[in-house]
Protein backbone atom coordinates (compact mmCIF):
# COMPACT_ATOMS: atom_id res chain seq x y z
CA MET A 1 25.69 3.28 -18.56
CA ILE A 2 21.96 2.30 -19.32
CA ARG A 3 22.07 0.66 -22.86
CA THR A 4 19.41 -0.28 -25.43
CA ARG A 5 18.64 -3.96 -25.88
CA LEU A 6 20.83 -3.80 -28.71
CA HIS A 7 23.34 -3.05 -26.12
CA GLU A 8 23.43 0.62 -27.45
CA PRO A 9 24.20 3.93 -25.27
CA ALA A 10 21.11 5.22 -24.37
CA GLU A 11 22.00 7.55 -21.43
CA SER A 12 24.32 7.46 -18.29
CA VAL A 13 22.63 7.20 -14.76
CA GLN A 14 23.31 10.84 -14.18
CA GLU A 15 21.83 11.85 -17.29
CA MET A 16 18.95 9.42 -15.96
CA TYR A 17 18.41 11.21 -12.81
CA LEU A 18 18.78 14.92 -14.23
CA GLY A 19 16.23 13.88 -16.40
CA ILE A 20 14.24 12.79 -14.29
CA ALA A 21 14.52 16.06 -11.89
CA LEU A 22 13.85 18.51 -14.87
CA HIS A 23 10.53 16.62 -15.92
CA LEU A 24 9.28 16.72 -11.96
CA ALA A 25 10.22 20.30 -11.91
CA MET A 26 8.46 21.29 -14.66
CA PRO A 27 5.32 22.57 -12.91
CA GLU A 28 7.52 24.79 -10.76
CA GLN A 29 6.58 28.70 -11.86
CA LYS A 30 9.55 30.22 -9.76
CA GLU A 31 13.20 28.73 -9.43
CA ARG A 32 12.72 26.13 -11.59
CA MET A 33 16.33 25.30 -11.86
CA THR A 34 16.54 25.72 -8.34
CA TRP A 35 13.96 22.76 -7.72
CA VAL A 36 15.93 20.77 -10.29
CA LYS A 37 19.05 20.92 -8.55
CA LYS A 38 17.30 20.17 -5.20
CA PHE A 39 15.46 17.05 -6.93
CA TYR A 40 18.72 16.24 -8.79
CA ASP A 41 20.56 16.08 -5.26
CA LEU A 42 18.45 13.78 -3.64
CA LEU A 43 18.35 11.36 -6.73
CA SER A 44 21.44 11.21 -7.51
CA ARG A 45 22.99 10.97 -3.75
CA LEU A 46 20.67 8.41 -3.42
CA GLU A 47 18.53 9.87 -0.66
CA VAL A 48 15.63 9.34 -1.67
CA THR A 49 13.94 6.84 -4.53
CA MET A 50 11.36 7.54 -6.34
CA ALA A 51 8.61 4.53 -7.81
CA THR A 52 9.62 2.87 -10.76
CA PRO A 53 7.14 3.93 -13.46
CA THR A 54 8.92 7.55 -12.17
CA LEU A 55 11.84 6.22 -12.87
CA SER A 56 11.14 4.56 -15.92
CA ASN A 57 8.22 7.19 -17.51
CA ALA A 58 9.88 10.34 -16.51
CA ARG A 59 11.13 12.37 -19.40
CA LYS A 60 9.30 9.95 -22.14
CA PRO A 61 6.23 11.30 -23.96
CA TYR A 62 3.86 8.66 -21.86
CA HIS A 63 4.56 9.49 -18.76
CA GLN A 64 2.78 7.37 -16.34
CA LEU A 65 4.74 8.12 -13.48
CA SER A 66 2.16 6.00 -10.39
CA SER A 67 2.63 2.78 -9.48
CA CYS A 68 -0.90 1.36 -9.19
CA PHE A 69 -4.52 2.19 -9.34
CA ILE A 70 -7.31 0.87 -7.35
CA ASP A 71 -10.80 0.23 -8.16
CA THR A 72 -13.35 -0.08 -6.08
CA VAL A 73 -16.17 -2.77 -8.24
CA PRO A 74 -19.83 -2.77 -8.05
CA ASP A 75 -21.98 -5.83 -6.99
CA SER A 76 -23.39 -5.51 -10.61
CA LEU A 77 -22.78 -7.14 -14.26
CA GLU A 78 -21.91 -3.77 -15.65
CA GLY A 79 -19.64 -2.79 -12.85
CA ILE A 80 -17.60 -5.70 -13.02
CA TYR A 81 -16.98 -5.55 -16.98
CA ARG A 82 -16.20 -1.87 -16.77
CA SER A 83 -13.87 -2.69 -13.88
CA ILE A 84 -12.59 -5.07 -16.44
CA ASP A 85 -12.28 -3.02 -18.56
CA ASN A 86 -10.83 0.12 -16.75
CA PHE A 87 -7.99 -2.39 -15.25
CA ALA A 88 -6.74 -3.26 -19.22
CA MET A 89 -6.95 0.88 -19.55
CA VAL A 90 -4.39 1.34 -16.93
CA ARG A 91 -2.10 -1.38 -18.10
CA GLY A 92 -2.35 0.10 -21.40
CA PHE A 93 -4.19 -2.62 -23.23
CA LYS A 94 -7.81 -2.14 -24.18
CA GLY A 95 -10.32 -4.58 -25.01
CA VAL A 96 -8.88 -7.49 -23.36
CA ALA A 97 -11.21 -10.19 -23.12
CA GLY A 98 -22.17 -17.19 -10.35
CA GLY A 99 -19.85 -15.68 -7.75
CA VAL A 100 -16.75 -13.99 -7.19
CA ILE A 101 -14.03 -16.74 -8.47
CA ARG A 102 -14.97 -17.07 -11.76
CA TRP A 103 -14.64 -13.46 -11.97
CA MET A 104 -11.45 -13.18 -10.53
CA LYS A 105 -10.36 -15.57 -13.18
CA LEU A 106 -11.09 -13.24 -15.91
CA VAL A 107 -9.15 -10.45 -14.21
CA ASN A 108 -5.96 -13.05 -13.62
CA ASP A 109 -6.37 -13.63 -17.60
CA THR A 110 -6.26 -9.95 -17.76
CA ALA A 111 -3.59 -9.48 -15.39
CA VAL A 112 -1.54 -12.00 -17.51
CA ALA A 113 -2.53 -10.71 -20.82
CA VAL A 114 -1.86 -7.00 -19.96
CA ASP A 115 2.12 -6.39 -19.23
CA GLN A 116 3.13 -3.04 -20.80
CA LEU A 117 4.92 -4.86 -23.81
CA GLY A 118 6.74 -6.52 -21.32
CA MET A 119 8.22 -3.50 -19.33
CA ARG A 120 6.14 -4.53 -16.43
CA GLN A 121 4.27 -7.28 -15.66
CA GLY A 122 0.39 -6.68 -14.47
CA ALA A 123 -0.90 -7.51 -11.24
CA VAL A 124 -3.54 -7.72 -9.25
CA ALA A 125 -4.96 -7.65 -5.62
CA VAL A 126 -8.78 -8.70 -4.81
CA TYR A 127 -9.97 -7.87 -1.53
CA LEU A 128 -12.71 -9.73 0.03
CA ASP A 129 -14.72 -9.32 3.35
CA VAL A 130 -14.10 -12.22 6.31
CA TRP A 131 -18.16 -12.14 6.25
CA HIS A 132 -18.32 -13.09 2.44
CA LYS A 133 -20.23 -16.43 1.48
CA ASP A 134 -17.76 -17.42 -1.13
CA LEU A 135 -14.60 -16.97 1.59
CA PRO A 136 -13.73 -20.71 1.77
CA GLU A 137 -13.30 -20.87 -1.68
CA PHE A 138 -11.33 -17.63 -2.18
CA LEU A 139 -8.99 -18.99 0.04
CA GLN A 140 -8.34 -21.56 -2.17
CA LEU A 141 -7.70 -19.51 -4.80
CA ARG A 142 -3.77 -20.24 -5.26
CA THR A 143 -3.24 -23.21 -3.50
CA ASN A 144 -2.03 -26.19 -5.25
CA ASN A 145 -5.11 -28.81 -4.08
CA GLY A 146 -8.67 -28.95 -5.66
CA ASP A 147 -10.62 -27.71 -8.97
CA ASP A 148 -7.96 -25.95 -10.56
CA ARG A 149 -11.19 -24.71 -12.76
CA MET A 150 -11.87 -22.57 -9.19
CA LYS A 151 -8.19 -21.72 -8.93
CA ALA A 152 -6.25 -17.62 -10.34
CA HIS A 153 -2.98 -18.38 -9.23
CA ASP A 154 -1.66 -14.95 -10.80
CA ILE A 155 -4.35 -13.09 -8.36
CA PHE A 156 -2.95 -11.91 -4.83
CA PRO A 157 -6.16 -12.36 -2.52
CA SER A 158 -6.85 -10.31 0.50
CA VAL A 159 -9.17 -10.72 3.22
CA CYS A 160 -10.68 -7.59 5.28
CA TYR A 161 -11.36 -7.92 9.00
CA PRO A 162 -13.15 -6.14 11.61
CA ASP A 163 -12.32 -6.10 15.22
CA LEU A 164 -15.12 -8.40 16.29
CA PHE A 165 -13.12 -11.28 14.10
CA TRP A 166 -10.16 -10.71 15.86
CA LYS A 167 -11.66 -10.29 19.45
CA MET A 168 -13.89 -13.46 18.69
CA ALA A 169 -10.94 -15.30 17.48
CA LYS A 170 -8.86 -14.21 21.01
CA GLU A 171 -11.85 -15.50 22.93
CA ASP A 172 -13.17 -18.66 21.50
CA LEU A 173 -11.74 -20.48 18.52
CA ASN A 174 -14.95 -22.57 18.57
CA GLN A 175 -17.69 -19.59 18.10
CA PRO A 176 -19.81 -19.60 14.91
CA TRP A 177 -19.11 -17.09 11.93
CA TYR A 178 -21.65 -16.12 9.70
CA LEU A 179 -20.76 -15.85 6.05
CA PHE A 180 -23.44 -13.68 3.60
CA CYS A 181 -23.95 -12.79 0.21
CA PRO A 182 -23.50 -9.12 -0.02
CA ASN A 183 -26.12 -8.38 -2.71
CA GLU A 184 -29.27 -10.42 -0.76
CA ILE A 185 -28.05 -8.19 2.13
CA MET A 186 -28.62 -5.29 -0.04
CA THR A 187 -32.23 -6.04 -1.06
CA ILE A 188 -34.01 -7.14 1.77
CA LYS A 189 -31.96 -5.18 4.37
CA GLY A 190 -31.80 -2.31 2.03
CA TYR A 191 -28.24 -1.25 3.16
CA CYS A 192 -24.94 -2.62 2.19
CA LEU A 193 -22.83 -3.91 5.66
CA GLU A 194 -19.83 -3.12 3.54
CA ASP A 195 -20.18 0.27 3.92
CA TYR A 196 -19.88 0.39 7.80
CA TYR A 197 -17.32 -0.08 10.29
CA GLY A 198 -16.40 -0.29 13.70
CA GLU A 199 -19.57 -0.19 15.88
CA GLU A 200 -21.90 0.47 13.45
CA TRP A 201 -20.86 -2.50 11.70
CA GLU A 202 -21.03 -4.85 14.46
CA LYS A 203 -24.17 -4.03 15.45
CA ARG A 204 -25.83 -4.28 11.79
CA TYR A 205 -23.73 -7.67 11.28
CA HIS A 206 -25.54 -9.07 14.65
CA ASP A 207 -28.93 -7.49 12.85
CA CYS A 208 -28.34 -9.87 9.59
CA VAL A 209 -27.34 -12.86 11.79
CA ASN A 210 -30.86 -12.86 13.32
CA ASP A 211 -32.76 -12.17 10.33
CA THR A 212 -34.36 -15.25 9.36
CA ARG A 213 -35.03 -13.81 6.07
CA LEU A 214 -30.95 -13.93 5.07
CA SER A 215 -29.76 -17.32 3.90
CA LYS A 216 -25.90 -17.53 5.69
CA ARG A 217 -23.42 -19.86 6.27
CA SER A 218 -22.04 -21.03 9.43
CA ILE A 219 -18.17 -22.26 9.71
CA SER A 220 -16.31 -21.64 13.18
CA ILE A 221 -13.82 -18.88 13.07
CA LYS A 222 -11.32 -22.17 14.09
CA ASP A 223 -12.16 -23.15 10.33
CA ILE A 224 -11.88 -19.46 9.01
CA VAL A 225 -8.44 -19.43 10.64
CA ARG A 226 -7.15 -22.67 9.51
CA LEU A 227 -7.76 -21.66 5.78
CA VAL A 228 -6.18 -18.32 6.28
CA LEU A 229 -3.08 -19.92 7.68
CA ARG A 230 -3.01 -22.79 5.51
CA SER A 231 -3.22 -20.98 2.76
CA ALA A 232 -0.73 -18.34 3.68
CA VAL A 233 2.05 -20.72 4.87
CA GLU A 234 1.70 -22.36 1.27
CA THR A 235 1.22 -18.93 -1.01
CA GLY A 236 2.41 -16.12 1.69
CA THR A 237 -1.27 -15.15 0.67
CA PRO A 238 -3.95 -13.76 1.63
CA PHE A 239 -3.08 -10.28 2.57
CA THR A 240 -4.75 -8.73 5.71
CA PHE A 241 -6.39 -5.67 5.96
CA ASN A 242 -7.71 -4.37 9.43
CA ARG A 243 -10.46 -2.34 8.47
CA ASP A 244 -11.70 -1.40 11.47
CA THR A 245 -8.12 0.33 12.19
CA VAL A 246 -7.91 1.91 8.79
CA ASN A 247 -10.86 3.48 8.78
CA ARG A 248 -10.79 5.19 12.65
CA ALA A 249 -7.60 6.44 11.11
CA ASN A 250 -8.88 8.03 8.40
CA PRO A 251 -8.39 11.56 7.94
CA ASN A 252 -10.56 11.87 5.55
CA ALA A 253 -13.85 9.94 6.75
CA HIS A 254 -15.68 13.08 6.09
CA GLN A 255 -15.80 12.22 2.33
CA GLY A 256 -16.06 8.20 2.43
CA ILE A 257 -14.46 5.04 3.31
CA ILE A 258 -11.58 2.81 2.93
CA TYR A 259 -12.69 -0.98 1.89
CA CYS A 260 -9.50 -2.10 0.77
CA SER A 261 -5.49 -1.40 -0.42
CA ASN A 262 -3.60 -2.02 -2.88
CA LEU A 263 -0.99 -5.17 -4.14
CA CYS A 264 1.48 -4.19 -1.53
CA THR A 265 -0.77 -3.29 1.13
CA GLU A 266 0.27 0.25 2.24
CA ILE A 267 -2.31 2.83 0.45
CA ALA A 268 -5.28 3.36 2.42
CA GLN A 269 -7.84 5.95 0.78
CA ASN A 270 -11.23 7.19 0.45
CA MET A 271 -12.31 4.50 -2.37
CA ALA A 272 -15.93 4.62 -4.10
CA ALA A 273 -17.62 2.92 -6.95
CA ILE A 274 -17.78 4.10 -10.28
CA GLU A 275 -21.33 4.26 -11.25
CA THR A 276 -23.63 5.11 -14.22
CA VAL A 277 -26.16 7.41 -13.79
CA SER A 278 -27.87 7.33 -16.73
CA THR A 279 -28.09 6.41 -20.39
CA GLU A 280 -29.83 8.17 -23.25
CA ILE A 281 -30.11 7.71 -27.08
CA ARG A 282 -29.55 11.28 -28.70
CA THR A 283 -29.23 12.20 -32.42
CA GLU A 284 -26.37 14.34 -33.29
CA GLU A 285 -25.38 15.46 -36.66
CA GLY A 286 -27.89 12.94 -38.14
CA ASP A 287 -26.17 9.32 -36.35
CA THR A 288 -28.13 7.69 -33.68
CA VAL A 289 -25.49 7.81 -30.50
CA VAL A 290 -26.05 6.31 -26.89
CA VAL A 291 -24.60 8.67 -24.01
CA LYS A 292 -23.87 7.59 -20.66
CA THR A 293 -23.80 9.78 -17.83
CA VAL A 294 -21.11 8.41 -15.60
CA ARG A 295 -20.35 8.89 -11.27
CA PRO A 296 -16.67 9.43 -11.46
CA GLY A 297 -16.56 7.61 -7.68
CA ASP A 298 -13.06 7.68 -6.00
CA PHE A 299 -10.10 6.01 -8.46
CA VAL A 300 -7.55 5.37 -6.18
CA VAL A 301 -3.80 6.10 -7.56
CA CYS A 302 -0.60 5.90 -6.00
CA ASN A 303 2.28 8.32 -6.17
CA LEU A 304 5.44 7.04 -4.02
CA ALA A 305 8.85 7.73 -3.12
CA SER A 306 11.24 7.00 -0.76
CA LEU A 307 13.45 8.15 1.62
CA SER A 308 16.66 6.02 2.07
CA LEU A 309 16.94 6.44 5.94
CA GLY A 310 20.28 4.68 5.31
CA HIS A 311 21.98 7.37 3.83
CA LEU A 312 20.33 10.15 5.39
CA PRO A 313 21.60 12.19 8.38
CA LEU A 314 18.89 11.59 10.47
CA GLU A 315 19.76 12.94 13.86
CA ASP A 316 19.58 16.68 11.76
CA GLU A 317 16.26 17.74 12.07
CA GLU A 318 17.31 20.45 9.73
CA GLN A 319 18.30 18.44 6.95
CA ILE A 320 16.15 15.68 7.58
CA LYS A 321 12.91 18.52 6.92
CA GLU A 322 14.34 20.19 4.09
CA LYS A 323 14.78 17.00 2.00
CA VAL A 324 11.22 15.63 3.54
CA SER A 325 9.91 19.09 1.99
CA THR A 326 12.24 18.52 -1.30
CA VAL A 327 10.47 15.24 -1.65
CA VAL A 328 6.97 15.56 -1.12
CA ARG A 329 6.79 19.26 -3.75
CA ALA A 330 8.25 16.40 -6.13
CA LEU A 331 5.40 14.32 -5.55
CA ASP A 332 2.78 16.83 -5.93
CA ASN A 333 4.47 17.96 -9.15
CA VAL A 334 3.68 14.63 -10.14
CA ILE A 335 0.43 14.57 -9.90
CA ASP A 336 0.06 17.59 -12.15
CA LEU A 337 2.57 16.11 -14.57
CA ASN A 338 1.00 12.65 -15.05
CA PHE A 339 -0.74 10.64 -17.94
CA TYR A 340 -3.55 9.52 -17.13
CA PRO A 341 -5.31 6.24 -18.44
CA LEU A 342 -8.38 6.94 -17.42
CA PRO A 343 -10.74 10.36 -16.51
CA PHE A 344 -11.65 8.53 -12.86
CA ALA A 345 -8.19 8.20 -12.07
CA GLN A 346 -7.12 12.01 -13.19
CA ILE A 347 -10.30 13.31 -10.70
CA THR A 348 -9.38 11.56 -8.08
CA ASN A 349 -5.56 12.43 -8.04
CA GLN A 350 -6.46 15.95 -8.42
CA ARG A 351 -9.36 15.98 -5.77
CA TYR A 352 -7.06 14.63 -3.15
CA ARG A 353 -3.69 15.19 -4.50
CA SER A 354 -2.83 12.03 -2.23
CA ILE A 355 1.03 11.17 -1.92
CA GLY A 356 2.84 7.91 -0.54
CA LEU A 357 6.28 9.10 0.89
CA GLY A 358 7.71 5.99 2.48
CA VAL A 359 11.09 4.53 3.81
CA SER A 360 14.00 2.17 2.97
CA GLY A 361 17.19 1.36 4.24
CA TYR A 362 15.53 0.95 7.25
CA HIS A 363 17.49 -2.12 8.79
CA HIS A 364 20.45 -0.23 7.38
CA ALA A 365 19.90 2.55 9.37
CA LEU A 366 19.39 0.48 12.80
CA ALA A 367 22.91 -1.55 11.86
CA ILE A 368 24.77 1.55 11.17
CA ARG A 369 23.26 2.80 14.83
CA ASN A 370 24.71 -0.19 16.65
CA ILE A 371 20.51 -0.67 17.07
CA ARG A 372 20.00 -4.05 17.67
CA TRP A 373 16.76 -5.18 15.99
CA GLU A 374 15.11 -6.92 18.81
CA SER A 375 15.38 -4.33 21.22
CA GLU A 376 13.52 -1.82 23.11
CA GLU A 377 16.09 0.92 21.71
CA HIS A 378 14.90 -0.10 18.53
CA LEU A 379 11.55 1.18 19.43
CA ARG A 380 12.48 4.04 20.44
CA PHE A 381 14.64 4.82 17.17
CA VAL A 382 11.92 4.67 15.21
CA ASP A 383 9.27 6.30 17.23
CA ARG A 384 11.81 9.29 17.05
CA VAL A 385 12.31 9.31 13.24
CA PHE A 386 8.84 8.31 12.38
CA GLU A 387 7.22 10.78 14.43
CA GLN A 388 9.87 13.49 12.86
CA ILE A 389 9.26 12.29 8.83
CA ASN A 390 5.91 12.92 9.60
CA TYR A 391 5.84 16.09 11.25
CA ALA A 392 8.10 17.18 8.34
CA ALA A 393 5.39 15.98 5.96
CA ILE A 394 2.69 17.89 7.27
CA GLU A 395 4.39 21.05 7.51
CA ALA A 396 5.44 20.82 3.81
CA SER A 397 2.60 20.23 2.31
CA ALA A 398 0.69 23.08 4.75
CA ASP A 399 3.46 25.23 3.52
CA LEU A 400 2.33 24.13 -0.06
CA ALA A 401 -1.09 24.62 0.26
CA LYS A 402 -0.03 28.11 1.14
CA GLU A 403 1.66 28.35 -2.33
CA LYS A 404 -0.56 26.49 -4.17
CA GLY A 405 -3.76 25.57 -2.63
CA ARG A 406 -5.32 23.15 -0.53
CA TYR A 407 -6.94 20.00 -1.47
CA GLU A 408 -10.65 20.10 -2.52
CA TYR A 409 -11.71 18.26 0.48
CA PHE A 410 -9.61 19.57 3.11
CA GLU A 411 -12.82 21.13 4.84
CA GLY A 412 -14.40 19.12 7.62
CA SER A 413 -11.19 16.66 7.08
CA ASP A 414 -9.64 15.67 10.61
CA TRP A 415 -6.57 17.95 8.91
CA GLN A 416 -8.80 21.35 9.44
CA THR A 417 -10.20 20.08 12.57
CA GLY A 418 -7.52 19.26 14.77
CA ALA A 419 -8.79 15.56 14.96
CA TYR A 420 -5.70 14.46 13.32
CA PHE A 421 -3.43 15.67 15.70
CA GLY A 422 -5.57 14.67 19.15
CA LYS A 423 -6.55 11.20 18.05
CA ARG A 424 -2.30 10.48 17.46
CA GLY A 425 -1.72 12.06 20.97
CA TYR A 426 0.61 15.15 19.28
CA THR A 427 -0.54 17.58 21.95
CA SER A 428 3.67 19.12 22.82
CA PRO A 429 3.75 23.04 21.69
CA GLU A 430 5.77 22.08 18.62
CA TRP A 431 2.57 20.31 17.80
CA ASN A 432 -0.16 22.53 18.62
CA ARG A 433 2.13 25.23 16.61
CA LEU A 434 2.14 23.11 13.25
CA ALA A 435 -2.08 22.46 14.06
CA ALA A 436 -2.69 25.96 13.79
CA LYS A 437 -0.53 26.17 10.96
CA VAL A 438 -2.71 23.48 9.38
CA ALA A 439 -5.88 24.52 10.06
CA GLU A 440 -4.90 28.41 8.69
CA ASN A 441 -3.14 27.47 5.40
CA GLY A 442 -4.94 24.32 4.67
CA MET A 443 -3.04 21.09 3.51
CA ARG A 444 -2.22 20.19 -0.16
CA ASN A 445 -2.58 16.09 0.15
CA ALA A 446 -4.99 14.55 1.64
CA TYR A 447 -2.95 11.67 2.68
CA LEU A 448 1.30 11.96 2.86
CA LEU A 449 2.80 8.73 4.04
CA ALA A 450 2.24 4.63 2.97
CA ILE A 451 5.34 2.29 3.21
CA ALA A 452 6.23 0.64 0.29
CA PRO A 453 8.02 -2.72 -0.19
CA THR A 454 10.99 -1.10 -2.26
CA SER A 455 12.49 -3.99 -3.47
CA SER A 456 13.72 -3.11 -6.60
CA THR A 457 14.45 0.37 -5.86
CA SER A 458 16.62 -0.56 -2.85
CA ILE A 459 18.83 -2.55 -5.29
CA ILE A 460 19.53 0.65 -6.86
CA ALA A 461 20.73 3.09 -3.52
CA GLY A 462 22.41 0.53 -2.30
CA THR A 463 20.16 -0.13 0.78
CA THR A 464 17.99 -2.84 2.41
CA ALA A 465 14.41 -2.59 1.18
CA GLY A 466 11.44 -0.98 3.08
CA THR A 467 11.40 -1.92 6.80
CA ASP A 468 12.34 -5.37 6.15
CA PRO A 469 14.76 -7.06 8.15
CA VAL A 470 17.94 -8.19 5.87
CA MET A 471 17.19 -12.06 4.05
CA LYS A 472 20.63 -12.63 4.71
CA ARG A 473 23.63 -10.88 5.15
CA PHE A 474 24.80 -11.66 1.44
CA PHE A 475 22.55 -13.78 -0.66
CA LEU A 476 21.60 -14.17 -4.47
CA GLU A 477 18.36 -12.67 -5.43
CA GLU A 478 16.72 -13.14 -8.64
CA LYS A 479 15.11 -10.22 -10.67
CA LYS A 480 14.00 -10.30 -14.04
CA GLY A 481 15.21 -13.59 -14.76
CA ALA A 482 18.88 -12.66 -13.47
CA MET A 483 20.58 -13.49 -10.39
CA LEU A 484 22.14 -10.44 -8.47
CA PRO A 485 24.28 -10.79 -5.81
CA ARG A 486 23.01 -8.43 -2.39
CA VAL A 487 25.18 -8.28 0.57
CA ALA A 488 24.09 -6.02 3.59
CA PRO A 489 25.21 -2.35 2.86
CA ALA A 490 27.78 -1.06 5.02
CA LEU A 491 28.45 -5.08 6.30
CA SER A 492 31.53 -4.96 9.00
CA ASP A 493 33.18 -6.42 11.71
CA LYS A 494 30.96 -3.66 13.59
CA THR A 495 27.42 -4.63 11.95
CA PHE A 496 27.75 -7.87 11.06
CA TRP A 497 25.72 -9.61 14.21
CA LEU A 498 23.36 -6.58 13.91
CA TYR A 499 22.42 -8.17 10.43
CA LYS A 500 20.70 -11.00 11.74
CA ASP A 501 18.75 -12.88 9.25
CA ALA A 502 15.17 -12.38 8.84
CA TYR A 503 13.79 -16.16 9.70
CA THR A 504 15.59 -16.09 13.27
CA LEU A 505 14.40 -12.75 13.89
CA ASP A 506 11.61 -12.96 16.53
CA GLN A 507 8.61 -11.84 14.83
CA LYS A 508 7.44 -10.16 17.64
CA TRP A 509 9.53 -7.33 17.56
CA SER A 510 8.80 -6.74 13.95
CA ILE A 511 5.09 -6.67 14.39
CA ARG A 512 5.80 -3.84 17.42
CA ALA A 513 8.03 -1.82 15.92
CA ALA A 514 5.12 -1.46 12.94
CA GLY A 515 2.65 -0.77 15.49
CA THR A 516 5.20 2.18 16.20
CA ARG A 517 5.34 3.30 13.29
CA GLN A 518 1.44 3.31 12.26
CA LEU A 519 0.99 5.64 14.79
CA HIS A 520 2.72 8.31 12.54
CA ILE A 521 2.02 6.68 8.88
CA ASP A 522 -1.64 7.98 7.76
CA GLN A 523 -1.99 5.68 5.55
CA SER A 524 -0.57 1.89 5.83
CA GLN A 525 2.89 0.25 5.20
CA SER A 526 4.45 -3.11 3.90
CA LEU A 527 4.52 -5.26 6.57
CA ASN A 528 6.29 -8.63 5.95
CA LEU A 529 6.35 -12.05 8.61
CA TYR A 530 8.67 -14.19 8.16
CA ILE A 531 8.13 -18.13 9.60
CA THR A 532 9.61 -21.60 9.21
CA ASN A 533 8.49 -24.92 9.84
CA GLU A 534 8.93 -24.76 13.38
CA PHE A 535 6.25 -22.58 13.70
CA THR A 536 3.03 -23.76 14.55
CA MET A 537 -0.44 -22.76 13.56
CA ARG A 538 -1.31 -21.35 17.05
CA GLN A 539 2.03 -19.40 17.13
CA VAL A 540 1.09 -17.78 12.92
CA LEU A 541 -2.65 -16.79 14.70
CA ASP A 542 -0.89 -15.05 18.00
CA LEU A 543 1.20 -12.94 15.17
CA TYR A 544 -2.04 -11.64 14.04
CA LEU A 545 -3.45 -11.29 16.82
CA LEU A 546 -0.51 -9.43 17.99
CA ALA A 547 -0.28 -7.03 14.58
CA TRP A 548 -4.18 -6.07 15.30
CA GLU A 549 -3.60 -5.31 18.72
CA CYS A 550 -0.81 -2.85 17.76
CA GLY A 551 -3.08 -1.54 15.81
CA VAL A 552 -1.18 -2.53 12.58
CA LYS A 553 -3.39 -1.40 9.50
CA THR A 554 -1.92 -4.43 6.81
CA VAL A 555 -0.09 -7.42 6.90
CA TYR A 556 1.67 -7.94 3.49
CA TYR A 557 3.26 -11.20 2.72
CA VAL A 558 3.96 -14.43 5.36
CA ARG A 559 7.48 -15.85 3.84
CA SER A 560 7.78 -19.26 4.83
CA LYS A 561 11.04 -20.82 4.57
CA SER A 562 11.99 -24.63 5.55
CA LEU A 563 13.89 -25.08 8.96
CA GLU A 564 17.17 -25.92 7.62
CA VAL A 565 20.72 -26.29 8.96
CA GLU A 566 22.78 -24.56 7.21
CA GLU A 567 26.45 -23.64 7.32
CA CYS A 568 27.74 -20.63 9.85
CA GLU A 569 28.28 -17.77 8.06
CA SER A 570 30.22 -17.05 10.96
CA CYS A 571 32.56 -19.87 11.03
CA ALA A 572 32.53 -20.31 6.88
CA SER A 573 35.79 -19.35 5.40
């Protein structure tokens, strides 16, 4: 039973799921009640969990159903303050009032002040290129030492890395790395370095290094790595965004570039800054008005849901296809049902119709199948399951495209040309048949898969969070000021030893599994690394290098824990 703050009955859990199902089925013109039942069955059986905003806001007049929004900030005062205004609008509060650090303090204060009337705390991640001149100061945003005026403790810093940085870090840490002012590059060179990736980016980076007109900061790669790792160990951040890896796999590269990710590092979609085209003074009905014409850019919206792997019959391909097809339809309906606080968000969401189908219960699914985390069997299992999910999601989107129409930018995409399938080695007869179907029908959604952390929704589903291993077999977790007991699902004498604690696992197996999954995920995944005080800085760096070598697009938190002697769980009585 869900109760009000006065502890009065509001609705039962089943009524909540029915209300959500009815809401999500509103766009269906044919067999609406059939889809209501299908949505309800998936939700009530805990086989799928919708994102927290969907659970909270579906069936309400203010039905903002998406999890997060991603804005691209142009290098101008007008663009910076417009971005802050947009952020305040997204969070439901308008008018909150020398370098990126001081600007981020404004964003930090906005995130704290705007919290949807206490329902959901505001949070902001800021991504900065590893070649940016303010990088050293940026990497100390959340640390406890130094000038507090240069801190933004509520911002989640993230760093974007090109392949070249990791190549040089692997070869020789003593090599110099150069930091630039992006505005200076644009003014003198006539291009924006951040608008490129891969070989073209490397060519232009070296061009900037050799141009004596540009001021630059020289710092060894070792010193940058030290700053990154020191912050990671102390604060868990910065998050990692491997931009070249992300953009090589972008199925919609014909329409733009992916500059960064979101707060949880699982979103990877085309982005573009909002730009003012013209400003005109007019007289309308006797009043003088100022009319601005604005190019909307790409303002990314996250539409998320997660398959509960521990509750699903993963060996039954037909059932998985049917359940994936149902949740893809539900997420597509979210796009049409959503309340949009900004027109820019609505335009981008309806042009690309991007969704983020993810998973929870990953460790749960391994344990009940007697699969050890640190095993080759784990890698084979995850390869099969995620290829199966990806196939089902693509087929579902192609079927929806035939029924309701394809997304606006399908023509010229990797979906349309078939390059999406070739890049991933999908060459079997079954995959070739699907590629032909996609070419004929189109795709309803530009992006399909993204694995969010699912920390809160996994509690509802009674399963493990995202693709993370369990913290412990049983522990207390703080949520909104309350302590919740967490027990590994289906814990028994058979599964006990299969639930190895996150901090005692060899993290290389987690990274290898993430690399295996990444092939089948068109966006990204929230990958956490778990370390103890026995880790050296070199060992942590080796984990980052391994992630890059395995084709992992992003790394979320580095969660550190003191190595301490604890009571043995197997001996405790």
